[in-house]
Amino acid sequence: MHNSDSLLIIPTYNEKENVEKMAHILMETYPLVDILFIDDNSPDGTAHLIKELIKTYPDRIYLEERIEKLGLGTAYIHGFKWALSRHYSFIFEMDCDFSHNPADVARLKNACLEGAYVAIGSRYCKGGKVENWPMKRILMSYFASVYVRLILWISIKDTTAGFKCYRADVLRKINLDQIIFKGYAFQICMKYAALQHKFKVVEVPITFIDRIYGESKMSTGIFKEAFFGVWKMKTMKL
């Protein structure tokens, strides 16, 4: 039985270089935060390392194993349902690769404690930054957000951000089974759904640092899904 009000959901696929370091930092920094790792059958043995971490932090670290690589969006939906069934109040999305700084977890939670229902770790609001990305990637990401804002008519600057804190009420209200997207489109859709339900969404400036270890999961398919997915979102019952 958990004592925490907050759950960090961290999907993993081949993150053996990062997972132990990330877990130890989060456990030591945040005594009242639990972690749910969702591993998509990583061939590099990530799940085995997580099972060892569970022995060190029983009742604080959890693992859900899936049989294959099913996409980020489905991992988070699985995690959201897991979190809601266990009555966590604050539920986070976070990457395992240190592009999201563990020190910013507190800042996102504070934004929710101060009135936000969704707090977004934002690269593109005032004060936000990106480090170690080539200019081409920064421009593509920035203009993707501009494109999304124009089509969905929303004011969020970093529409594809994947570092977020939700109050549980938001996830209870959104029709999670309707959200079929897997990559950036999933991140856009969750923000759009929160706004559709009139929840207050706040952007908290962060410095996003590109991963040092492991492979990026970016692909053409993920980009295309987001490009066309925003038009589909306009018609969805979220």
Protein backbone atom coordinates (compact mmCIF):
# COMPACT_ATOMS: atom_id res chain seq x y z
CA MET A 1 0.00 0.00 0.00
CA HIS A 2 1.49 3.36 -0.99
CA ASN A 3 1.83 6.41 1.29
CA SER A 4 2.43 8.87 -1.51
CA ASP A 5 0.03 11.27 -3.22
CA SER A 6 2.17 11.44 -6.39
CA LEU A 7 3.06 8.91 -9.07
CA LEU A 8 5.67 9.36 -11.79
CA ILE A 9 4.90 7.24 -14.86
CA ILE A 10 8.09 6.50 -16.80
CA PRO A 11 7.84 4.35 -19.95
CA THR A 12 11.06 2.49 -20.81
CA TYR A 13 12.50 0.80 -23.86
CA ASN A 14 16.24 0.06 -23.81
CA GLU A 15 17.07 2.46 -20.97
CA LYS A 16 19.60 0.36 -19.04
CA GLU A 17 22.13 3.24 -18.97
CA ASN A 18 19.61 5.61 -17.37
CA VAL A 19 17.06 3.70 -15.31
CA GLU A 20 19.02 3.06 -12.09
CA LYS A 21 20.46 6.56 -11.86
CA MET A 22 17.04 8.12 -12.54
CA ALA A 23 15.31 5.94 -9.92
CA HIS A 24 17.88 6.63 -7.18
CA ILE A 25 17.78 10.40 -7.75
CA LEU A 26 13.96 10.51 -7.69
CA MET A 27 13.68 8.25 -4.63
CA GLU A 28 16.20 10.26 -2.65
CA THR A 29 14.90 13.69 -3.71
CA TYR A 30 11.19 12.99 -3.26
CA PRO A 31 10.32 10.79 -0.26
CA LEU A 32 6.58 11.09 -1.03
CA VAL A 33 6.70 10.19 -4.72
CA ASP A 34 6.30 6.71 -6.23
CA ILE A 35 7.42 5.54 -9.68
CA LEU A 36 5.63 3.27 -12.12
CA PHE A 37 7.93 2.02 -14.88
CA ILE A 38 6.18 0.62 -17.95
CA ASP A 39 8.63 -1.49 -19.92
CA ASP A 40 7.87 -2.69 -23.45
CA ASN A 41 9.98 -5.86 -23.30
CA SER A 42 13.33 -4.04 -23.67
CA PRO A 43 15.90 -6.43 -25.16
CA ASP A 44 18.70 -4.74 -23.18
CA GLY A 45 17.45 -6.00 -19.78
CA THR A 46 15.93 -2.75 -18.50
CA ALA A 47 13.09 -4.66 -16.76
CA HIS A 48 15.59 -6.83 -14.84
CA LEU A 49 17.28 -3.68 -13.47
CA ILE A 50 13.88 -2.29 -12.42
CA LYS A 51 13.11 -5.54 -10.55
CA GLU A 52 16.37 -5.10 -8.63
CA LEU A 53 15.38 -1.50 -7.81
CA ILE A 54 12.02 -2.74 -6.46
CA LYS A 55 13.94 -4.82 -3.89
CA THR A 56 15.65 -1.62 -2.69
CA TYR A 57 12.47 0.51 -2.77
CA PRO A 58 9.54 -1.83 -2.09
CA ASP A 59 6.14 -0.07 -2.12
CA ARG A 60 7.66 2.91 -3.96
CA ILE A 61 8.79 1.53 -7.32
CA TYR A 62 6.45 -0.53 -9.49
CA LEU A 63 6.83 -2.24 -12.85
CA GLU A 64 4.27 -3.10 -15.51
CA GLU A 65 5.75 -5.25 -18.29
CA ARG A 66 4.21 -5.37 -21.76
CA ILE A 67 4.93 -8.01 -24.37
CA GLU A 68 6.19 -5.70 -27.13
CA LYS A 69 6.85 -2.10 -28.14
CA LEU A 70 3.31 -0.68 -28.21
CA GLY A 71 4.04 3.05 -28.26
CA LEU A 72 4.35 5.84 -25.73
CA GLY A 73 0.68 6.84 -25.81
CA THR A 74 -0.61 3.38 -24.92
CA ALA A 75 2.00 3.11 -22.14
CA TYR A 76 0.75 6.33 -20.55
CA ILE A 77 -2.92 5.37 -20.88
CA HIS A 78 -2.09 2.07 -19.16
CA GLY A 79 -0.24 4.02 -16.46
CA PHE A 80 -3.04 6.55 -15.98
CA LYS A 81 -5.60 3.79 -15.38
CA TRP A 82 -3.18 2.04 -12.99
CA ALA A 83 -2.69 5.32 -11.07
CA LEU A 84 -6.41 6.16 -10.88
CA SER A 85 -7.26 2.69 -9.57
CA ARG A 86 -4.77 3.32 -6.74
CA HIS A 87 -6.07 6.83 -5.95
CA TYR A 88 -2.99 8.97 -6.54
CA SER A 89 -3.78 12.72 -6.55
CA PHE A 90 -0.95 13.91 -8.83
CA ILE A 91 0.15 11.87 -11.82
CA PHE A 92 3.22 12.72 -13.89
CA GLU A 93 4.51 11.86 -17.35
CA MET A 94 8.30 11.79 -17.51
CA ASP A 95 11.08 10.44 -19.73
CA CYS A 96 13.79 8.16 -18.39
CA ASP A 97 16.63 9.69 -20.41
CA PHE A 98 17.31 12.82 -18.29
CA SER A 99 15.98 15.17 -20.97
CA HIS A 100 13.53 15.98 -18.16
CA ASN A 101 15.39 17.19 -15.09
CA PRO A 102 14.28 15.39 -11.89
CA ALA A 103 14.63 18.73 -10.03
CA ASP A 104 11.68 20.07 -12.07
CA VAL A 105 9.22 17.49 -10.69
CA ALA A 106 8.71 19.73 -7.63
CA ARG A 107 8.09 22.79 -9.80
CA LEU A 108 5.38 21.04 -11.83
CA LYS A 109 3.67 19.76 -8.69
CA ASN A 110 3.81 23.23 -7.12
CA ALA A 111 2.09 24.68 -10.18
CA CYS A 112 -0.76 22.20 -9.60
CA LEU A 113 -0.86 22.96 -5.88
CA GLU A 114 -1.19 26.64 -6.81
CA GLY A 115 -4.23 26.12 -9.03
CA ALA A 116 -3.24 24.42 -12.30
CA TYR A 117 -4.94 21.18 -13.26
CA VAL A 118 -2.26 20.33 -15.81
CA ALA A 119 1.30 21.67 -15.45
CA ILE A 120 3.50 21.37 -18.54
CA GLY A 121 7.29 21.43 -18.46
CA SER A 122 7.63 23.83 -21.39
CA ARG A 123 10.61 24.46 -23.68
CA TYR A 124 8.98 27.33 -25.56
CA CYS A 125 7.30 29.53 -22.98
CA LYS A 126 9.26 32.48 -21.55
CA GLY A 127 12.30 31.10 -19.71
CA GLY A 128 12.19 27.66 -21.37
CA LYS A 129 15.25 26.33 -23.23
CA VAL A 130 16.55 23.41 -25.27
CA GLU A 131 20.15 22.19 -24.99
CA ASN A 132 22.16 19.76 -27.16
CA TRP A 133 19.62 19.65 -29.99
CA PRO A 134 20.69 20.54 -33.54
CA MET A 135 19.02 23.74 -34.80
CA LYS A 136 17.04 21.76 -37.39
CA ARG A 137 15.40 19.66 -34.66
CA ILE A 138 14.61 22.73 -32.52
CA LEU A 139 13.01 24.52 -35.48
CA MET A 140 10.98 21.44 -36.46
CA SER A 141 9.70 21.04 -32.90
CA TYR A 142 8.97 24.76 -32.47
CA PHE A 143 7.08 25.08 -35.76
CA ALA A 144 5.19 21.84 -35.06
CA SER A 145 3.79 23.62 -32.00
CA VAL A 146 2.92 26.70 -34.06
CA TYR A 147 1.08 24.46 -36.55
CA VAL A 148 -0.86 22.75 -33.75
CA ARG A 149 -1.82 26.07 -32.15
CA LEU A 150 -3.18 27.36 -35.45
CA ILE A 151 -5.27 24.27 -36.20
CA LEU A 152 -6.61 23.52 -32.72
CA TRP A 153 -6.83 27.19 -31.78
CA ILE A 154 -5.08 26.76 -28.43
CA SER A 155 -2.56 29.02 -26.70
CA ILE A 156 -0.13 26.38 -25.37
CA LYS A 157 3.40 27.16 -26.58
CA ASP A 158 4.89 23.67 -26.19
CA THR A 159 2.13 21.43 -27.55
CA THR A 160 4.30 18.30 -27.91
CA ALA A 161 5.89 18.48 -24.42
CA GLY A 162 6.07 15.13 -22.63
CA PHE A 163 6.91 16.28 -19.09
CA LYS A 164 3.64 16.95 -17.28
CA CYS A 165 1.80 16.80 -13.99
CA TYR A 166 -1.95 16.15 -13.95
CA ARG A 167 -4.37 16.36 -11.10
CA ALA A 168 -6.24 13.05 -11.00
CA ASP A 169 -9.57 14.83 -11.72
CA VAL A 170 -8.34 15.62 -15.24
CA LEU A 171 -7.55 12.00 -16.08
CA ARG A 172 -10.88 10.86 -14.65
CA LYS A 173 -12.74 13.29 -16.89
CA ILE A 174 -10.93 12.63 -20.19
CA ASN A 175 -12.19 9.68 -22.21
CA LEU A 176 -8.86 7.81 -22.19
CA ASP A 177 -10.16 4.96 -24.35
CA GLN A 178 -10.75 7.43 -27.20
CA ILE A 179 -7.10 8.45 -27.38
CA ILE A 180 -5.52 6.18 -29.96
CA PHE A 181 -2.36 8.15 -30.71
CA LYS A 182 1.09 6.83 -29.85
CA GLY A 183 3.72 9.57 -30.20
CA TYR A 184 3.67 13.36 -30.21
CA ALA A 185 0.04 13.27 -31.29
CA PHE A 186 -0.77 11.65 -27.94
CA GLN A 187 0.91 14.53 -26.08
CA ILE A 188 -1.00 17.10 -28.15
CA CYS A 189 -4.31 15.27 -27.70
CA MET A 190 -4.03 15.08 -23.89
CA LYS A 191 -3.49 18.85 -23.65
CA TYR A 192 -6.31 19.54 -26.10
CA ALA A 193 -8.65 17.25 -24.15
CA ALA A 194 -7.83 19.02 -20.85
CA LEU A 195 -8.63 22.38 -22.46
CA GLN A 196 -11.86 21.00 -23.99
CA HIS A 197 -12.96 20.11 -20.46
CA LYS A 198 -12.08 23.67 -19.31
CA PHE A 199 -9.26 22.63 -16.99
CA LYS A 200 -6.62 25.23 -16.21
CA VAL A 201 -3.37 24.36 -18.04
CA VAL A 202 -0.15 26.14 -17.04
CA GLU A 203 3.28 26.08 -18.69
CA VAL A 204 6.31 25.97 -16.40
CA PRO A 205 9.61 26.88 -18.10
CA ILE A 206 12.18 24.08 -18.15
CA THR A 207 15.56 23.44 -19.77
CA PHE A 208 15.20 20.33 -21.94
CA ILE A 209 18.52 18.53 -22.43
CA ASP A 210 18.85 15.93 -25.19
CA ARG A 211 19.63 12.39 -24.03
CA ILE A 212 23.29 11.41 -23.53
CA TYR A 213 22.79 7.61 -23.39
CA GLY A 214 20.54 5.35 -25.45
CA GLU A 215 18.71 5.91 -28.73
CA SER A 216 16.13 8.58 -29.53
CA LYS A 217 12.66 7.13 -30.25
CA MET A 218 11.80 9.80 -32.87
CA SER A 219 10.60 8.44 -36.25
CA THR A 220 8.90 9.62 -39.45
CA GLY A 221 5.77 7.67 -38.45
CA ILE A 222 5.52 9.58 -35.17
CA PHE A 223 5.86 12.89 -37.02
CA LYS A 224 3.22 11.97 -39.61
CA GLU A 225 0.80 10.77 -36.93
CA ALA A 226 1.05 14.19 -35.25
CA PHE A 227 0.80 16.14 -38.54
CA PHE A 228 -2.47 14.46 -39.57
CA GLY A 229 -3.70 13.60 -36.07
CA VAL A 230 -4.44 17.21 -35.11
CA TRP A 231 -7.18 17.36 -37.75
CA LYS A 232 -8.72 14.18 -36.37
CA MET A 233 -8.68 15.59 -32.80
CA LYS A 234 -11.02 18.41 -33.82
CA THR A 235 -13.79 15.84 -34.38
CA MET A 236 -13.10 13.52 -31.43
CA LYS A 237 -15.21 13.22 -28.26
CA LEU A 238 -12.50 13.59 -25.66
